[in-house]
Amino acid sequence: MPYHHKDSNIYKTKEEEIKEKKERKPSKMSLFEMPKLSKEDKEKLLKHSKNHKKGMQSTHIKNMKKFMLKGLSFSKSHKKALELDN
């Protein structure tokens, strides 16, 4: 059995556990915290995807979605996706 110093406390109180959890670095973004597109943005993308051969599976639409998830507007993400397409 390992030797424990008399001042060491191997059992933590609830407050200490909570404090320790708060001090930890945040982990990578979980699936539940991933940013999502708003309903309006999804509808815009669906409507726009009908202009492309593969629809929502086209690389142009995938790039637009990626930019929109980063916070760009529909028109700005469209311009950036066009630049990537060329």
PDB file of N, CA and C in Angstrom:
ATOM      1  N   MET A   1       0.842  -1.168   0.000  1.00  0.00           N
ATOM      2  CA  MET A   1       0.000   0.000   0.000  1.00  0.00           C
ATOM      3  C   MET A   1       0.891   1.236   0.000  1.00  0.00           C
ATOM      4  N   PRO A   2       0.595   2.203  -0.933  1.00  0.00           N
ATOM      5  CA  PRO A   2       1.450   3.384  -1.005  1.00  0.00           C
ATOM      6  C   PRO A   2       1.314   4.265   0.234  1.00  0.00           C
ATOM      7  N   TYR A   3       2.399   4.936   0.535  1.00  0.00           N
ATOM      8  CA  TYR A   3       2.431   5.833   1.678  1.00  0.00           C
ATOM      9  C   TYR A   3       1.811   7.174   1.288  1.00  0.00           C
ATOM     10  N   HIS A   4       0.913   7.679   2.080  1.00  0.00           N
ATOM     11  CA  HIS A   4       0.303   8.988   1.853  1.00  0.00           C
ATOM     12  C   HIS A   4       0.688   9.902   2.995  1.00  0.00           C
ATOM     13  N   HIS A   5       1.065  11.087   2.629  1.00  0.00           N
ATOM     14  CA  HIS A   5       1.388  12.082   3.638  1.00  0.00           C
ATOM     15  C   HIS A   5       0.135  12.410   4.422  1.00  0.00           C
ATOM     16  N   LYS A   6       0.275  12.709   5.679  1.00  0.00           N
ATOM     17  CA  LYS A   6      -0.907  12.923   6.518  1.00  0.00           C
ATOM     18  C   LYS A   6      -1.747  14.125   6.052  1.00  0.00           C
ATOM     19  N   ASP A   7      -1.114  15.110   5.355  1.00  0.00           N
ATOM     20  CA  ASP A   7      -1.863  16.269   4.889  1.00  0.00           C
ATOM     21  C   ASP A   7      -2.527  16.030   3.529  1.00  0.00           C
ATOM     22  N   SER A   8      -2.102  14.991   2.834  1.00  0.00           N
ATOM     23  CA  SER A   8      -2.685  14.761   1.515  1.00  0.00           C
ATOM     24  C   SER A   8      -4.085  14.187   1.667  1.00  0.00           C
ATOM     25  N   ASN A   9      -4.936  14.654   0.806  1.00  0.00           N
ATOM     26  CA  ASN A   9      -6.318  14.200   0.840  1.00  0.00           C
ATOM     27  C   ASN A   9      -6.597  13.465  -0.468  1.00  0.00           C
ATOM     28  N   ILE A  10      -6.766  12.160  -0.378  1.00  0.00           N
ATOM     29  CA  ILE A  10      -7.002  11.408  -1.607  1.00  0.00           C
ATOM     30  C   ILE A  10      -8.455  11.522  -2.061  1.00  0.00           C
ATOM     31  N   TYR A  11      -9.308  11.936  -1.177  1.00  0.00           N
ATOM     32  CA  TYR A  11     -10.707  12.121  -1.524  1.00  0.00           C
ATOM     33  C   TYR A  11     -10.989  13.606  -1.674  1.00  0.00           C
ATOM     34  N   LYS A  12     -11.548  13.976  -2.807  1.00  0.00           N
ATOM     35  CA  LYS A  12     -11.824  15.389  -3.062  1.00  0.00           C
ATOM     36  C   LYS A  12     -13.274  15.699  -2.742  1.00  0.00           C
ATOM     37  N   THR A  13     -13.472  16.918  -2.264  1.00  0.00           N
ATOM     38  CA  THR A  13     -14.846  17.333  -2.013  1.00  0.00           C
ATOM     39  C   THR A  13     -15.508  17.699  -3.337  1.00  0.00           C
ATOM     40  N   LYS A  14     -16.810  17.812  -3.320  1.00  0.00           N
ATOM     41  CA  LYS A  14     -17.564  18.127  -4.525  1.00  0.00           C
ATOM     42  C   LYS A  14     -17.128  19.477  -5.090  1.00  0.00           C
ATOM     43  N   GLU A  15     -16.902  20.470  -4.227  1.00  0.00           N
ATOM     44  CA  GLU A  15     -16.478  21.797  -4.678  1.00  0.00           C
ATOM     45  C   GLU A  15     -15.119  21.740  -5.372  1.00  0.00           C
ATOM     46  N   GLU A  16     -14.197  20.939  -4.842  1.00  0.00           N
ATOM     47  CA  GLU A  16     -12.877  20.810  -5.444  1.00  0.00           C
ATOM     48  C   GLU A  16     -12.968  20.165  -6.820  1.00  0.00           C
ATOM     49  N   GLU A  17     -13.834  19.153  -6.960  1.00  0.00           N
ATOM     50  CA  GLU A  17     -14.011  18.500  -8.257  1.00  0.00           C
ATOM     51  C   GLU A  17     -14.573  19.474  -9.286  1.00  0.00           C
ATOM     52  N   ILE A  18     -15.547  20.266  -8.870  1.00  0.00           N
ATOM     53  CA  ILE A  18     -16.160  21.241  -9.781  1.00  0.00           C
ATOM     54  C   ILE A  18     -15.134  22.290 -10.189  1.00  0.00           C
ATOM     55  N   LYS A  19     -14.342  22.779  -9.242  1.00  0.00           N
ATOM     56  CA  LYS A  19     -13.314  23.777  -9.528  1.00  0.00           C
ATOM     57  C   LYS A  19     -12.277  23.215 -10.503  1.00  0.00           C
ATOM     58  N   GLU A  20     -11.885  21.965 -10.295  1.00  0.00           N
ATOM     59  CA  GLU A  20     -10.900  21.317 -11.159  1.00  0.00           C
ATOM     60  C   GLU A  20     -11.441  21.184 -12.592  1.00  0.00           C
ATOM     61  N   LYS A  21     -12.701  20.839 -12.729  1.00  0.00           N
ATOM     62  CA  LYS A  21     -13.308  20.711 -14.055  1.00  0.00           C
ATOM     63  C   LYS A  21     -13.332  22.048 -14.779  1.00  0.00           C
ATOM     64  N   LYS A  22     -13.602  23.127 -14.055  1.00  0.00           N
ATOM     65  CA  LYS A  22     -13.657  24.450 -14.664  1.00  0.00           C
ATOM     66  C   LYS A  22     -12.276  24.915 -15.116  1.00  0.00           C
ATOM     67  N   GLU A  23     -11.230  24.495 -14.394  1.00  0.00           N
ATOM     68  CA  GLU A  23      -9.876  24.928 -14.711  1.00  0.00           C
ATOM     69  C   GLU A  23      -9.275  24.182 -15.898  1.00  0.00           C
ATOM     70  N   ARG A  24      -9.851  23.041 -16.265  1.00  0.00           N
ATOM     71  CA  ARG A  24      -9.326  22.266 -17.378  1.00  0.00           C
ATOM     72  C   ARG A  24      -9.486  23.027 -18.683  1.00  0.00           C
ATOM     73  N   LYS A  25      -8.590  22.727 -19.620  1.00  0.00           N
ATOM     74  CA  LYS A  25      -8.708  23.333 -20.938  1.00  0.00           C
ATOM     75  C   LYS A  25      -9.938  22.757 -21.630  1.00  0.00           C
ATOM     76  N   PRO A  26     -10.628  23.574 -22.386  1.00  0.00           N
ATOM     77  CA  PRO A  26     -11.785  23.022 -23.097  1.00  0.00           C
ATOM     78  C   PRO A  26     -11.316  22.032 -24.156  1.00  0.00           C
ATOM     79  N   SER A  27     -12.043  20.952 -24.275  1.00  0.00           N
ATOM     80  CA  SER A  27     -11.677  19.937 -25.259  1.00  0.00           C
ATOM     81  C   SER A  27     -12.121  20.393 -26.644  1.00  0.00           C
ATOM     82  N   LYS A  28     -11.773  19.612 -27.639  1.00  0.00           N
ATOM     83  CA  LYS A  28     -12.188  19.943 -28.992  1.00  0.00           C
ATOM     84  C   LYS A  28     -13.702  19.966 -29.053  1.00  0.00           C
ATOM     85  N   MET A  29     -14.198  20.670 -30.041  1.00  0.00           N
ATOM     86  CA  MET A  29     -15.629  20.844 -30.174  1.00  0.00           C
ATOM     87  C   MET A  29     -16.322  19.491 -30.353  1.00  0.00           C
ATOM     88  N   SER A  30     -17.289  19.224 -29.514  1.00  0.00           N
ATOM     89  CA  SER A  30     -18.019  17.974 -29.651  1.00  0.00           C
ATOM     90  C   SER A  30     -19.072  18.100 -30.750  1.00  0.00           C
ATOM     91  N   LEU A  31     -19.677  16.995 -31.093  1.00  0.00           N
ATOM     92  CA  LEU A  31     -20.689  17.002 -32.142  1.00  0.00           C
ATOM     93  C   LEU A  31     -21.881  17.875 -31.773  1.00  0.00           C
ATOM     94  N   PHE A  32     -22.170  17.963 -30.484  1.00  0.00           N
ATOM     95  CA  PHE A  32     -23.321  18.740 -30.050  1.00  0.00           C
ATOM     96  C   PHE A  32     -23.061  20.243 -30.107  1.00  0.00           C
ATOM     97  N   GLU A  33     -21.798  20.649 -30.083  1.00  0.00           N
ATOM     98  CA  GLU A  33     -21.458  22.061 -30.086  1.00  0.00           C
ATOM     99  C   GLU A  33     -21.116  22.583 -31.476  1.00  0.00           C
ATOM    100  N   MET A  34     -21.143  21.709 -32.474  1.00  0.00           N
ATOM    101  CA  MET A  34     -20.786  22.114 -33.829  1.00  0.00           C
ATOM    102  C   MET A  34     -21.770  23.170 -34.326  1.00  0.00           C
ATOM    103  N   PRO A  35     -21.261  24.188 -34.992  1.00  0.00           N
ATOM    104  CA  PRO A  35     -22.177  25.210 -35.504  1.00  0.00           C
ATOM    105  C   PRO A  35     -23.090  24.631 -36.576  1.00  0.00           C
ATOM    106  N   LYS A  36     -24.308  25.146 -36.618  1.00  0.00           N
ATOM    107  CA  LYS A  36     -25.286  24.673 -37.586  1.00  0.00           C
ATOM    108  C   LYS A  36     -25.826  25.860 -38.363  1.00  0.00           C
ATOM    109  N   LEU A  37     -26.269  25.585 -39.566  1.00  0.00           N
ATOM    110  CA  LEU A  37     -26.869  26.628 -40.390  1.00  0.00           C
ATOM    111  C   LEU A  37     -28.293  26.892 -39.933  1.00  0.00           C
ATOM    112  N   SER A  38     -28.716  28.124 -40.086  1.00  0.00           N
ATOM    113  CA  SER A  38     -30.090  28.454 -39.744  1.00  0.00           C
ATOM    114  C   SER A  38     -31.019  27.873 -40.808  1.00  0.00           C
ATOM    115  N   LYS A  39     -32.278  27.822 -40.503  1.00  0.00           N
ATOM    116  CA  LYS A  39     -33.269  27.273 -41.425  1.00  0.00           C
ATOM    117  C   LYS A  39     -33.305  28.083 -42.722  1.00  0.00           C
ATOM    118  N   GLU A  40     -33.200  29.401 -42.603  1.00  0.00           N
ATOM    119  CA  GLU A  40     -33.211  30.273 -43.786  1.00  0.00           C
ATOM    120  C   GLU A  40     -32.005  29.991 -44.683  1.00  0.00           C
ATOM    121  N   ASP A  41     -30.825  29.835 -44.066  1.00  0.00           N
ATOM    122  CA  ASP A  41     -29.617  29.565 -44.838  1.00  0.00           C
ATOM    123  C   ASP A  41     -29.701  28.211 -45.540  1.00  0.00           C
ATOM    124  N   LYS A  42     -30.268  27.212 -44.858  1.00  0.00           N
ATOM    125  CA  LYS A  42     -30.428  25.899 -45.478  1.00  0.00           C
ATOM    126  C   LYS A  42     -31.329  25.995 -46.702  1.00  0.00           C
ATOM    127  N   GLU A  43     -32.416  26.748 -46.559  1.00  0.00           N
ATOM    128  CA  GLU A  43     -33.348  26.901 -47.678  1.00  0.00           C
ATOM    129  C   GLU A  43     -32.682  27.612 -48.854  1.00  0.00           C
ATOM    130  N   LYS A  44     -31.876  28.648 -48.560  1.00  0.00           N
ATOM    131  CA  LYS A  44     -31.156  29.353 -49.624  1.00  0.00           C
ATOM    132  C   LYS A  44     -30.206  28.415 -50.347  1.00  0.00           C
ATOM    133  N   LEU A  45     -29.477  27.607 -49.560  1.00  0.00           N
ATOM    134  CA  LEU A  45     -28.531  26.675 -50.171  1.00  0.00           C
ATOM    135  C   LEU A  45     -29.253  25.625 -51.017  1.00  0.00           C
ATOM    136  N   LEU A  46     -30.366  25.114 -50.521  1.00  0.00           N
ATOM    137  CA  LEU A  46     -31.129  24.127 -51.285  1.00  0.00           C
ATOM    138  C   LEU A  46     -31.612  24.715 -52.606  1.00  0.00           C
ATOM    139  N   LYS A  47     -32.133  25.921 -52.540  1.00  0.00           N
ATOM    140  CA  LYS A  47     -32.617  26.576 -53.750  1.00  0.00           C
ATOM    141  C   LYS A  47     -31.471  26.818 -54.728  1.00  0.00           C
ATOM    142  N   HIS A  48     -30.342  27.279 -54.216  1.00  0.00           N
ATOM    143  CA  HIS A  48     -29.178  27.559 -55.059  1.00  0.00           C
ATOM    144  C   HIS A  48     -28.574  26.268 -55.618  1.00  0.00           C
ATOM    145  N   SER A  49     -28.658  25.177 -54.861  1.00  0.00           N
ATOM    146  CA  SER A  49     -28.041  23.923 -55.296  1.00  0.00           C
ATOM    147  C   SER A  49     -28.723  23.347 -56.535  1.00  0.00           C
ATOM    148  N   LYS A  50     -29.957  23.746 -56.800  1.00  0.00           N
ATOM    149  CA  LYS A  50     -30.672  23.253 -57.982  1.00  0.00           C
ATOM    150  C   LYS A  50     -30.054  23.790 -59.265  1.00  0.00           C
ATOM    151  N   ASN A  51     -29.230  24.832 -59.153  1.00  0.00           N
ATOM    152  CA  ASN A  51     -28.543  25.385 -60.319  1.00  0.00           C
ATOM    153  C   ASN A  51     -27.271  24.611 -60.652  1.00  0.00           C
ATOM    154  N   HIS A  52     -26.898  23.664 -59.809  1.00  0.00           N
ATOM    155  CA  HIS A  52     -25.651  22.923 -59.993  1.00  0.00           C
ATOM    156  C   HIS A  52     -25.946  21.470 -60.318  1.00  0.00           C
ATOM    157  N   LYS A  53     -25.070  20.876 -61.087  1.00  0.00           N
ATOM    158  CA  LYS A  53     -25.280  19.536 -61.628  1.00  0.00           C
ATOM    159  C   LYS A  53     -25.511  18.480 -60.539  1.00  0.00           C
ATOM    160  N   LYS A  54     -24.678  18.463 -59.526  1.00  0.00           N
ATOM    161  CA  LYS A  54     -24.791  17.447 -58.477  1.00  0.00           C
ATOM    162  C   LYS A  54     -25.639  17.897 -57.288  1.00  0.00           C
ATOM    163  N   GLY A  55     -26.223  19.055 -57.367  1.00  0.00           N
ATOM    164  CA  GLY A  55     -27.066  19.545 -56.274  1.00  0.00           C
ATOM    165  C   GLY A  55     -26.269  19.835 -55.013  1.00  0.00           C
ATOM    166  N   MET A  56     -26.773  19.357 -53.878  1.00  0.00           N
ATOM    167  CA  MET A  56     -26.123  19.615 -52.591  1.00  0.00           C
ATOM    168  C   MET A  56     -24.774  18.899 -52.482  1.00  0.00           C
ATOM    169  N   GLN A  57     -24.515  17.924 -53.325  1.00  0.00           N
ATOM    170  CA  GLN A  57     -23.259  17.186 -53.272  1.00  0.00           C
ATOM    171  C   GLN A  57     -22.148  17.843 -54.088  1.00  0.00           C
ATOM    172  N   SER A  58     -22.466  18.913 -54.793  1.00  0.00           N
ATOM    173  CA  SER A  58     -21.441  19.584 -55.605  1.00  0.00           C
ATOM    174  C   SER A  58     -20.410  20.256 -54.706  1.00  0.00           C
ATOM    175  N   THR A  59     -19.200  20.352 -55.210  1.00  0.00           N
ATOM    176  CA  THR A  59     -18.133  20.954 -54.410  1.00  0.00           C
ATOM    177  C   THR A  59     -18.405  22.433 -54.155  1.00  0.00           C
ATOM    178  N   HIS A  60     -19.061  23.094 -55.094  1.00  0.00           N
ATOM    179  CA  HIS A  60     -19.387  24.510 -54.916  1.00  0.00           C
ATOM    180  C   HIS A  60     -20.288  24.695 -53.691  1.00  0.00           C
ATOM    181  N   ILE A  61     -21.310  23.889 -53.573  1.00  0.00           N
ATOM    182  CA  ILE A  61     -22.249  24.006 -52.447  1.00  0.00           C
ATOM    183  C   ILE A  61     -21.561  23.602 -51.146  1.00  0.00           C
ATOM    184  N   LYS A  62     -20.731  22.580 -51.184  1.00  0.00           N
ATOM    185  CA  LYS A  62     -20.004  22.170 -49.976  1.00  0.00           C
ATOM    186  C   LYS A  62     -19.089  23.287 -49.490  1.00  0.00           C
ATOM    187  N   ASN A  63     -18.417  23.955 -50.450  1.00  0.00           N
ATOM    188  CA  ASN A  63     -17.553  25.078 -50.071  1.00  0.00           C
ATOM    189  C   ASN A  63     -18.377  26.224 -49.500  1.00  0.00           C
ATOM    190  N   MET A  64     -19.516  26.498 -50.111  1.00  0.00           N
ATOM    191  CA  MET A  64     -20.374  27.566 -49.592  1.00  0.00           C
ATOM    192  C   MET A  64     -20.811  27.259 -48.165  1.00  0.00           C
ATOM    193  N   LYS A  65     -21.209  26.023 -47.932  1.00  0.00           N
ATOM    194  CA  LYS A  65     -21.654  25.629 -46.595  1.00  0.00           C
ATOM    195  C   LYS A  65     -20.527  25.801 -45.580  1.00  0.00           C
ATOM    196  N   LYS A  66     -19.320  25.418 -45.970  1.00  0.00           N
ATOM    197  CA  LYS A  66     -18.154  25.544 -45.090  1.00  0.00           C
ATOM    198  C   LYS A  66     -17.940  27.010 -44.707  1.00  0.00           C
ATOM    199  N   PHE A  67     -18.014  27.906 -45.695  1.00  0.00           N
ATOM    200  CA  PHE A  67     -17.816  29.325 -45.415  1.00  0.00           C
ATOM    201  C   PHE A  67     -18.951  29.903 -44.576  1.00  0.00           C
ATOM    202  N   MET A  68     -20.158  29.445 -44.831  1.00  0.00           N
ATOM    203  CA  MET A  68     -21.299  29.942 -44.059  1.00  0.00           C
ATOM    204  C   MET A  68     -21.213  29.495 -42.606  1.00  0.00           C
ATOM    205  N   LEU A  69     -20.701  28.307 -42.376  1.00  0.00           N
ATOM    206  CA  LEU A  69     -20.538  27.831 -41.002  1.00  0.00           C
ATOM    207  C   LEU A  69     -19.474  28.630 -40.259  1.00  0.00           C
ATOM    208  N   LYS A  70     -18.536  29.194 -41.012  1.00  0.00           N
ATOM    209  CA  LYS A  70     -17.501  30.035 -40.393  1.00  0.00           C
ATOM    210  C   LYS A  70     -18.032  31.427 -40.074  1.00  0.00           C
ATOM    211  N   GLY A  71     -19.232  31.756 -40.566  1.00  0.00           N
ATOM    212  CA  GLY A  71     -19.836  33.030 -40.209  1.00  0.00           C
ATOM    213  C   GLY A  71     -20.025  34.007 -41.350  1.00  0.00           C
ATOM    214  N   LEU A  72     -19.639  33.629 -42.568  1.00  0.00           N
ATOM    215  CA  LEU A  72     -19.823  34.531 -43.699  1.00  0.00           C
ATOM    216  C   LEU A  72     -21.272  34.514 -44.175  1.00  0.00           C
ATOM    217  N   SER A  73     -21.665  35.589 -44.833  1.00  0.00           N
ATOM    218  CA  SER A  73     -23.021  35.658 -45.369  1.00  0.00           C
ATOM    219  C   SER A  73     -23.120  34.787 -46.617  1.00  0.00           C
ATOM    220  N   PHE A  74     -24.339  34.614 -47.113  1.00  0.00           N
ATOM    221  CA  PHE A  74     -24.573  33.792 -48.299  1.00  0.00           C
ATOM    222  C   PHE A  74     -23.809  34.349 -49.494  1.00  0.00           C
ATOM    223  N   SER A  75     -23.926  35.651 -49.722  1.00  0.00           N
ATOM    224  CA  SER A  75     -23.285  36.237 -50.903  1.00  0.00           C
ATOM    225  C   SER A  75     -21.758  36.190 -50.813  1.00  0.00           C
ATOM    226  N   LYS A  76     -21.205  36.448 -49.631  1.00  0.00           N
ATOM    227  CA  LYS A  76     -19.750  36.405 -49.478  1.00  0.00           C
ATOM    228  C   LYS A  76     -19.224  34.980 -49.628  1.00  0.00           C
ATOM    229  N   SER A  77     -19.956  34.027 -49.069  1.00  0.00           N
ATOM    230  CA  SER A  77     -19.517  32.637 -49.201  1.00  0.00           C
ATOM    231  C   SER A  77     -19.641  32.180 -50.646  1.00  0.00           C
ATOM    232  N   HIS A  78     -20.622  32.709 -51.377  1.00  0.00           N
ATOM    233  CA  HIS A  78     -20.773  32.364 -52.796  1.00  0.00           C
ATOM    234  C   HIS A  78     -19.583  32.888 -53.593  1.00  0.00           C
ATOM    235  N   LYS A  79     -19.170  34.107 -53.318  1.00  0.00           N
ATOM    236  CA  LYS A  79     -18.021  34.673 -54.015  1.00  0.00           C
ATOM    237  C   LYS A  79     -16.760  33.875 -53.742  1.00  0.00           C
ATOM    238  N   LYS A  80     -16.538  33.503 -52.492  1.00  0.00           N
ATOM    239  CA  LYS A  80     -15.351  32.728 -52.151  1.00  0.00           C
ATOM    240  C   LYS A  80     -15.393  31.343 -52.791  1.00  0.00           C
ATOM    241  N   ALA A  81     -16.571  30.727 -52.832  1.00  0.00           N
ATOM    242  CA  ALA A  81     -16.707  29.409 -53.436  1.00  0.00           C
ATOM    243  C   ALA A  81     -16.454  29.495 -54.944  1.00  0.00           C
ATOM    244  N   LEU A  82     -16.877  30.589 -55.573  1.00  0.00           N
ATOM    245  CA  LEU A  82     -16.610  30.773 -57.000  1.00  0.00           C
ATOM    246  C   LEU A  82     -15.109  30.884 -57.262  1.00  0.00           C
ATOM    247  N   GLU A  83     -14.410  31.581 -56.367  1.00  0.00           N
ATOM    248  CA  GLU A  83     -12.952  31.713 -56.514  1.00  0.00           C
ATOM    249  C   GLU A  83     -12.273  30.345 -56.418  1.00  0.00           C
ATOM    250  N   LEU A  84     -12.768  29.504 -55.504  1.00  0.00           N
ATOM    251  CA  LEU A  84     -12.191  28.170 -55.362  1.00  0.00           C
ATOM    252  C   LEU A  84     -12.509  27.279 -56.561  1.00  0.00           C
ATOM    253  N   ASP A  85     -13.667  27.491 -57.166  1.00  0.00           N
ATOM    254  CA  ASP A  85     -14.067  26.689 -58.313  1.00  0.00           C
ATOM    255  C   ASP A  85     -13.171  26.944 -59.512  1.00  0.00           C
ATOM    256  N   ASN A  86     -12.678  28.165 -59.629  1.00  0.00           N
ATOM    257  CA  ASN A  86     -11.842  28.510 -60.792  1.00  0.00           C
ATOM    258  C   ASN A  86     -10.441  28.161 -60.576  1.00  0.00           C
TER     259      ASN A  86
END
